[in-house]
C-alpha atoms as a PDB file:
ATOM      1  CA  MET A   1     -15.246   3.137  -1.768  1.00  0.00           C
ATOM      2  CA  LYS A   2     -12.786   2.631   1.059  1.00  0.00           C
ATOM      3  CA  ILE A   3      -9.025   3.029   1.403  1.00  0.00           C
ATOM      4  CA  TYR A   4      -7.061   0.159   2.945  1.00  0.00           C
ATOM      5  CA  VAL A   5      -3.517   0.764   4.146  1.00  0.00           C
ATOM      6  CA  ASP A   6      -0.992  -2.001   4.741  1.00  0.00           C
ATOM      7  CA  ALA A   7       0.123   0.120   7.675  1.00  0.00           C
ATOM      8  CA  ASP A   8       2.997  -1.855   9.215  1.00  0.00           C
ATOM      9  CA  ALA A   9       5.889   0.630   9.022  1.00  0.00           C
ATOM     10  CA  CYS A  10       4.076   2.679   6.349  1.00  0.00           C
ATOM     11  CA  PRO A  11       5.530   6.207   6.094  1.00  0.00           C
ATOM     12  CA  VAL A  12       2.535   7.774   4.295  1.00  0.00           C
ATOM     13  CA  VAL A  13      -0.329   7.105   6.740  1.00  0.00           C
ATOM     14  CA  LYS A  14      -0.703  10.795   7.679  1.00  0.00           C
ATOM     15  CA  ILE A  15      -0.783  11.830   4.007  1.00  0.00           C
ATOM     16  CA  VAL A  16      -3.391   9.156   3.224  1.00  0.00           C
ATOM     17  CA  GLU A  17      -5.545  10.397   6.105  1.00  0.00           C
ATOM     18  CA  LYS A  18      -5.189  14.051   5.092  1.00  0.00           C
ATOM     19  CA  VAL A  19      -6.265  13.379   1.500  1.00  0.00           C
ATOM     20  CA  ALA A  20      -9.017  10.949   2.561  1.00  0.00           C
ATOM     21  CA  ALA A  21     -10.482  13.436   5.049  1.00  0.00           C
ATOM     22  CA  ARG A  22     -10.468  16.191   2.413  1.00  0.00           C
ATOM     23  CA  GLU A  23     -12.132  13.855  -0.123  1.00  0.00           C
ATOM     24  CA  ASP A  24     -14.500  12.321   2.494  1.00  0.00           C
ATOM     25  CA  VAL A  25     -13.353   8.719   2.015  1.00  0.00           C
ATOM     26  CA  PRO A  26     -13.139   6.223   4.900  1.00  0.00           C
ATOM     27  CA  VAL A  27      -9.768   4.645   5.713  1.00  0.00           C
ATOM     28  CA  MET A  28      -8.859   1.397   7.417  1.00  0.00           C
ATOM     29  CA  LEU A  29      -5.312   0.921   8.692  1.00  0.00           C
ATOM     30  CA  LEU A  30      -4.310  -2.725   9.020  1.00  0.00           C
ATOM     31  CA  CYS A  31      -1.351  -3.687  11.196  1.00  0.00           C
ATOM     32  CA  ASP A  32      -0.104  -6.678  13.120  1.00  0.00           C
ATOM     33  CA  THR A  33       0.304  -6.921  16.867  1.00  0.00           C
ATOM     34  CA  ASN A  34       3.908  -5.682  16.582  1.00  0.00           C
ATOM     35  CA  HIS A  35       2.839  -2.317  15.096  1.00  0.00           C
ATOM     36  CA  VAL A  36      -0.222  -1.210  17.039  1.00  0.00           C
ATOM     37  CA  LEU A  37      -1.441   2.152  15.732  1.00  0.00           C
ATOM     38  CA  SER A  38      -3.994   4.729  16.759  1.00  0.00           C
ATOM     39  CA  SER A  39      -5.764   7.291  14.615  1.00  0.00           C
ATOM     40  CA  ALA A  40      -8.264  10.083  15.051  1.00  0.00           C
ATOM     41  CA  TYR A  41      -9.549   9.581  11.471  1.00  0.00           C
ATOM     42  CA  SER A  42      -9.060   5.987  10.397  1.00  0.00           C
ATOM     43  CA  GLU A  43     -10.482   2.730  11.630  1.00  0.00           C
ATOM     44  CA  VAL A  44      -7.565   0.625  12.905  1.00  0.00           C
ATOM     45  CA  LYS A  45      -7.722  -3.151  12.554  1.00  0.00           C
ATOM     46  CA  VAL A  46      -5.053  -5.111  14.424  1.00  0.00           C
ATOM     47  CA  ILE A  47      -4.437  -8.529  12.920  1.00  0.00           C
ATOM     48  CA  GLY A  48      -2.789 -11.353  14.830  1.00  0.00           C
ATOM     49  CA  ALA A  49       0.906 -11.786  14.148  1.00  0.00           C
ATOM     50  CA  GLY A  50       1.821 -14.295  11.497  1.00  0.00           C
ATOM     51  CA  ALA A  51       3.474 -14.370   8.114  1.00  0.00           C
ATOM     52  CA  ASP A  52       1.306 -12.419   5.681  1.00  0.00           C
ATOM     53  CA  ALA A  53      -1.674 -12.254   8.086  1.00  0.00           C
ATOM     54  CA  VAL A  54      -2.174  -8.520   7.470  1.00  0.00           C
ATOM     55  CA  ASP A  55      -1.827  -8.998   3.708  1.00  0.00           C
ATOM     56  CA  PHE A  56      -4.528 -11.673   3.564  1.00  0.00           C
ATOM     57  CA  ALA A  57      -6.879  -9.750   5.865  1.00  0.00           C
ATOM     58  CA  LEU A  58      -6.525  -6.657   3.674  1.00  0.00           C
ATOM     59  CA  ILE A  59      -7.237  -8.600   0.486  1.00  0.00           C
ATOM     60  CA  ASN A  60     -10.265 -10.303   2.076  1.00  0.00           C
ATOM     61  CA  LEU A  61     -11.694  -6.896   3.013  1.00  0.00           C
ATOM     62  CA  CYS A  62     -11.057  -4.946  -0.179  1.00  0.00           C
ATOM     63  CA  ARG A  63     -13.577  -4.817  -3.008  1.00  0.00           C
ATOM     64  CA  ALA A  64     -13.696  -3.534  -6.576  1.00  0.00           C
ATOM     65  CA  GLY A  65     -13.184   0.228  -6.655  1.00  0.00           C
ATOM     66  CA  ASP A  66     -11.410   0.391  -3.279  1.00  0.00           C
ATOM     67  CA  ILE A  67      -7.853   1.719  -2.949  1.00  0.00           C
ATOM     68  CA  VAL A  68      -4.995  -0.258  -1.418  1.00  0.00           C
ATOM     69  CA  VAL A  69      -1.808   1.456  -0.224  1.00  0.00           C
ATOM     70  CA  THR A  70       1.027  -1.068   0.027  1.00  0.00           C
ATOM     71  CA  GLN A  71       4.686  -1.537  -0.762  1.00  0.00           C
ATOM     72  CA  ASP A  72       4.101  -5.280  -1.253  1.00  0.00           C
ATOM     73  CA  TYR A  73       3.858  -6.169  -4.943  1.00  0.00           C
ATOM     74  CA  GLY A  74       2.041  -9.421  -4.145  1.00  0.00           C
ATOM     75  CA  VAL A  75      -0.673  -7.580  -2.205  1.00  0.00           C
ATOM     76  CA  ALA A  76      -0.948  -5.068  -5.043  1.00  0.00           C
ATOM     77  CA  ALA A  77      -1.346  -7.878  -7.592  1.00  0.00           C
ATOM     78  CA  MET A  78      -4.142  -9.470  -5.550  1.00  0.00           C
ATOM     79  CA  ALA A  79      -5.875  -6.084  -5.137  1.00  0.00           C
ATOM     80  CA  LEU A  80      -5.717  -5.509  -8.899  1.00  0.00           C
ATOM     81  CA  GLY A  81      -7.182  -8.985  -9.353  1.00  0.00           C
ATOM     82  CA  LYS A  82     -10.208  -7.801  -7.356  1.00  0.00           C
ATOM     83  CA  SER A  83     -10.524  -4.665  -9.554  1.00  0.00           C
ATOM     84  CA  ALA A  84      -9.282  -2.416  -6.759  1.00  0.00           C
ATOM     85  CA  TYR A  85      -6.758   0.379  -7.245  1.00  0.00           C
ATOM     86  CA  ALA A  86      -3.295  -0.004  -5.729  1.00  0.00           C
ATOM     87  CA  ILE A  87      -0.502   2.483  -5.042  1.00  0.00           C
ATOM     88  CA  HIS A  88       3.027   2.200  -3.630  1.00  0.00           C
ATOM     89  CA  GLN A  89       4.250   4.589  -0.923  1.00  0.00           C
ATOM     90  CA  SER A  90       6.506   6.134  -3.604  1.00  0.00           C
ATOM     91  CA  GLY A  91       3.397   7.261  -5.489  1.00  0.00           C
ATOM     92  CA  LYS A  92       3.817   4.705  -8.266  1.00  0.00           C
ATOM     93  CA  TRP A  93       0.500   3.241  -9.346  1.00  0.00           C
ATOM     94  CA  TYR A  94       0.324  -0.513  -9.668  1.00  0.00           C
ATOM     95  CA  THR A  95      -1.569  -1.379 -12.855  1.00  0.00           C
ATOM     96  CA  ASP A  96      -2.450  -4.447 -14.882  1.00  0.00           C
ATOM     97  CA  ASP A  97       0.167  -3.218 -17.352  1.00  0.00           C
ATOM     98  CA  ASN A  98       3.104  -3.007 -14.906  1.00  0.00           C
ATOM     99  CA  ILE A  99       2.467  -5.538 -12.124  1.00  0.00           C
ATOM    100  CA  GLU A 100       3.861  -8.611 -13.905  1.00  0.00           C
ATOM    101  CA  GLN A 101       7.126  -6.793 -14.665  1.00  0.00           C
ATOM    102  CA  MET A 102       7.365  -5.605 -11.056  1.00  0.00           C
ATOM    103  CA  LEU A 103       6.767  -9.113  -9.705  1.00  0.00           C
ATOM    104  CA  MET A 104       9.423 -10.513 -12.057  1.00  0.00           C
ATOM    105  CA  GLU A 105      11.961  -7.863 -10.995  1.00  0.00           C
ATOM    106  CA  ARG A 106      11.237  -8.677  -7.336  1.00  0.00           C
ATOM    107  CA  HIS A 107      11.809 -12.367  -8.003  1.00  0.00           C
ATOM    108  CA  ILE A 108      15.095 -11.722  -9.846  1.00  0.00           C
ATOM    109  CA  ALA A 109      16.357  -9.403  -7.096  1.00  0.00           C
ATOM    110  CA  LYS A 110      15.451 -11.954  -4.405  1.00  0.00           C
ATOM    111  CA  SER A 111      17.256 -14.707  -6.325  1.00  0.00           C
ATOM    112  CA  ALA A 112      20.329 -12.497  -6.722  1.00  0.00           C
ATOM    113  CA  ARG A 113      20.376 -11.727  -2.983  1.00  0.00           C
ATOM    114  CA  ARG A 114      20.182 -15.418  -2.152  1.00  0.00           C
ATOM    115  CA  ALA A 115      23.019 -16.245  -4.546  1.00  0.00           C
ATOM    116  CA  SER A 116      25.293 -13.471  -3.276  1.00  0.00           C
ATOM    117  CA  ALA A 117      27.960 -14.245  -0.693  1.00  0.00           C
ATOM    118  CA  LYS A 118      27.408 -10.752   0.681  1.00  0.00           C
ATOM    119  CA  ASN A 119      24.377 -10.734   2.893  1.00  0.00           C
ATOM    120  CA  HIS A 120      24.530  -7.185   4.177  1.00  0.00           C
ATOM    121  CA  ILE A 121      21.243  -5.436   3.580  1.00  0.00           C
ATOM    122  CA  LYS A 122      21.223  -1.744   2.960  1.00  0.00           C
ATOM    123  CA  GLY A 123      18.045  -0.052   4.127  1.00  0.00           C
ATOM    124  CA  PRO A 124      15.929   2.268   2.025  1.00  0.00           C
ATOM    125  CA  LYS A 125      16.985   5.848   1.395  1.00  0.00           C
ATOM    126  CA  ARG A 126      15.734   8.418   3.887  1.00  0.00           C
ATOM    127  CA  ARG A 127      12.291   9.704   2.886  1.00  0.00           C
ATOM    128  CA  THR A 128      12.252  13.324   1.705  1.00  0.00           C
ATOM    129  CA  GLU A 129       9.606  16.043   1.477  1.00  0.00           C
ATOM    130  CA  GLU A 130       9.779  15.579  -2.303  1.00  0.00           C
ATOM    131  CA  ASP A 131       8.893  11.881  -1.839  1.00  0.00           C
ATOM    132  CA  ASN A 132       5.904  12.916   0.287  1.00  0.00           C
ATOM    133  CA  ARG A 133       4.778  15.521  -2.251  1.00  0.00           C
ATOM    134  CA  ARG A 134       5.042  13.018  -5.104  1.00  0.00           C
ATOM    135  CA  PHE A 135       3.010  10.441  -3.176  1.00  0.00           C
ATOM    136  CA  GLU A 136       0.331  12.965  -2.192  1.00  0.00           C
ATOM    137  CA  GLU A 137      -0.140  14.142  -5.789  1.00  0.00           C
ATOM    138  CA  ALA A 138      -0.379  10.608  -7.182  1.00  0.00           C
ATOM    139  CA  PHE A 139      -2.648   9.460  -4.350  1.00  0.00           C
ATOM    140  CA  LEU A 140      -5.043  12.404  -4.747  1.00  0.00           C
ATOM    141  CA  LYS A 141      -5.346  11.638  -8.483  1.00  0.00           C
ATOM    142  CA  MET A 142      -6.114   8.000  -7.669  1.00  0.00           C
ATOM    143  CA  VAL A 143      -8.762   8.916  -5.092  1.00  0.00           C
ATOM    144  CA  GLN A 144     -10.443  11.312  -7.510  1.00  0.00           C
ATOM    145  CA  LEU A 145     -10.394   8.700 -10.310  1.00  0.00           C
ATOM    146  CA  ALA A 146     -11.844   6.050  -7.977  1.00  0.00           C
ATOM    147  CA  LYS A 147     -14.607   8.447  -6.863  1.00  0.00           C
ATOM    148  CA  GLN A 148     -15.514   9.098 -10.509  1.00  0.00           C
ATOM    149  CA  GLY A 149     -15.837   5.340 -11.020  1.00  0.00           C
ATOM    150  CA  GLU A 150     -18.440   5.199  -8.256  1.00  0.00           C
ATOM    151  CA  GLY A 151     -20.874   7.468 -10.064  1.00  0.00           C
END
């Protein structure tokens, strides 16, 4: 089992590494050439810039039973299709039961943004310690479940 992180601008890398080190699970951080990272724990794989290049590299690497950390619903859907686990940086698990609804909501929201005369984009809310705690709890549960599946 390995953990793959879609690490471009990912706010939970340190939490992923902390849990992974405690649970003795290897981590690979994938980023493009615009977000070069370094890590004392994780393997870092820098992917050439290009639309979705990191996403496709991550999906090509992941296997059944691996864990994917991503905020991209499309990447999560492909990971689930490979029988991998997938989790959002909010701590929400992507599952076969919720991914279609999430993809549909994303599509509707994108269509609404395109149709709107207002094109101002409001950024995400500032991340809180509570957000980090929620992610860490959900991620630890996922790691432990995935490790049980290995046995």
